[in-house]
C-alpha atoms as a PDB file:
ATOM      1  CA  MET A   1     -69.363  64.455  59.860  1.00  0.00           C
ATOM      2  CA  THR A   2     -69.854  67.637  61.774  1.00  0.00           C
ATOM      3  CA  THR A   3     -66.298  67.488  63.178  1.00  0.00           C
ATOM      4  CA  ALA A   4     -64.780  67.027  59.747  1.00  0.00           C
ATOM      5  CA  LEU A   5     -66.839  69.870  58.220  1.00  0.00           C
ATOM      6  CA  THR A   6     -66.025  72.192  61.119  1.00  0.00           C
ATOM      7  CA  ALA A   7     -62.288  71.419  60.692  1.00  0.00           C
ATOM      8  CA  LEU A   8     -62.689  72.395  57.056  1.00  0.00           C
ATOM      9  CA  ASP A   9     -64.473  75.569  58.045  1.00  0.00           C
ATOM     10  CA  ALA A  10     -67.526  74.585  55.947  1.00  0.00           C
ATOM     11  CA  ASP A  11     -70.933  76.133  56.454  1.00  0.00           C
ATOM     12  CA  ILE A  12     -73.237  73.525  58.021  1.00  0.00           C
ATOM     13  CA  THR A  13     -76.875  73.932  57.108  1.00  0.00           C
ATOM     14  CA  VAL A  14     -79.266  71.108  58.120  1.00  0.00           C
ATOM     15  CA  LEU A  15     -82.083  70.764  55.715  1.00  0.00           C
ATOM     16  CA  PRO A  16     -85.290  68.918  56.301  1.00  0.00           C
ATOM     17  CA  PRO A  17     -85.436  65.405  54.841  1.00  0.00           C
ATOM     18  CA  TYR A  18     -87.518  64.433  51.802  1.00  0.00           C
ATOM     19  CA  ASN A  19     -87.398  67.887  50.250  1.00  0.00           C
ATOM     20  CA  PRO A  20     -85.415  67.467  47.046  1.00  0.00           C
ATOM     21  CA  HIS A  21     -86.315  71.078  45.834  1.00  0.00           C
ATOM     22  CA  LEU A  22     -84.097  72.369  48.694  1.00  0.00           C
ATOM     23  CA  LYS A  23     -81.165  70.191  47.626  1.00  0.00           C
ATOM     24  CA  GLY A  24     -80.931  70.872  43.847  1.00  0.00           C
ATOM     25  CA  GLY A  25     -77.142  70.458  43.524  1.00  0.00           C
ATOM     26  CA  ILE A  26     -77.188  67.146  45.261  1.00  0.00           C
ATOM     27  CA  GLU A  27     -80.209  65.876  43.369  1.00  0.00           C
ATOM     28  CA  ASN A  28     -78.584  66.815  40.074  1.00  0.00           C
ATOM     29  CA  LEU A  29     -75.361  65.025  41.043  1.00  0.00           C
ATOM     30  CA  ASN A  30     -77.333  61.843  41.935  1.00  0.00           C
ATOM     31  CA  ARG A  31     -79.252  62.002  38.608  1.00  0.00           C
ATOM     32  CA  CYS A  32     -76.016  62.408  36.657  1.00  0.00           C
ATOM     33  CA  VAL A  33     -74.404  59.524  38.446  1.00  0.00           C
ATOM     34  CA  GLU A  34     -77.484  57.328  37.813  1.00  0.00           C
ATOM     35  CA  ARG A  35     -77.560  58.254  34.161  1.00  0.00           C
ATOM     36  CA  MET A  36     -73.854  58.221  33.245  1.00  0.00           C
ATOM     37  CA  LEU A  37     -72.168  55.769  35.569  1.00  0.00           C
ATOM     38  CA  PHE A  38     -74.616  53.199  36.890  1.00  0.00           C
ATOM     39  CA  THR A  39     -76.171  52.497  33.460  1.00  0.00           C
ATOM     40  CA  ALA A  40     -72.811  51.234  32.223  1.00  0.00           C
ATOM     41  CA  LEU A  41     -72.456  48.658  34.997  1.00  0.00           C
ATOM     42  CA  PRO A  42     -73.406  45.073  34.212  1.00  0.00           C
ATOM     43  CA  GLY A  43     -76.717  44.079  35.735  1.00  0.00           C
ATOM     44  CA  HIS A  44     -78.066  47.615  36.042  1.00  0.00           C
ATOM     45  CA  THR A  45     -81.725  47.303  35.226  1.00  0.00           C
ATOM     46  CA  GLN A  46     -83.100  50.896  35.529  1.00  0.00           C
ATOM     47  CA  ALA A  47     -81.761  52.357  32.262  1.00  0.00           C
ATOM     48  CA  THR A  48     -83.092  55.721  31.116  1.00  0.00           C
ATOM     49  CA  GLN A  49     -84.081  55.937  27.481  1.00  0.00           C
ATOM     50  CA  GLY A  50     -82.223  58.373  25.253  1.00  0.00           C
ATOM     51  CA  VAL A  51     -79.107  58.448  27.435  1.00  0.00           C
ATOM     52  CA  ARG A  52     -75.867  57.726  25.707  1.00  0.00           C
ATOM     53  CA  VAL A  53     -73.468  55.481  27.594  1.00  0.00           C
ATOM     54  CA  TRP A  54     -69.879  55.963  26.807  1.00  0.00           C
ATOM     55  CA  THR A  55     -67.879  52.707  26.373  1.00  0.00           C
END
């Protein structure tokens, strides 16, 4: 991963694990995927109330 990011001239910042408050963008992306994509899949059991699923 480091080689690919270096080739893309990306800034590599290693953050400590288990600190979601330091990774707000990633945590928000994960939350959006969970709410919008996974809930539409058959067999998904952890549905969030009040979330509209587009069909």
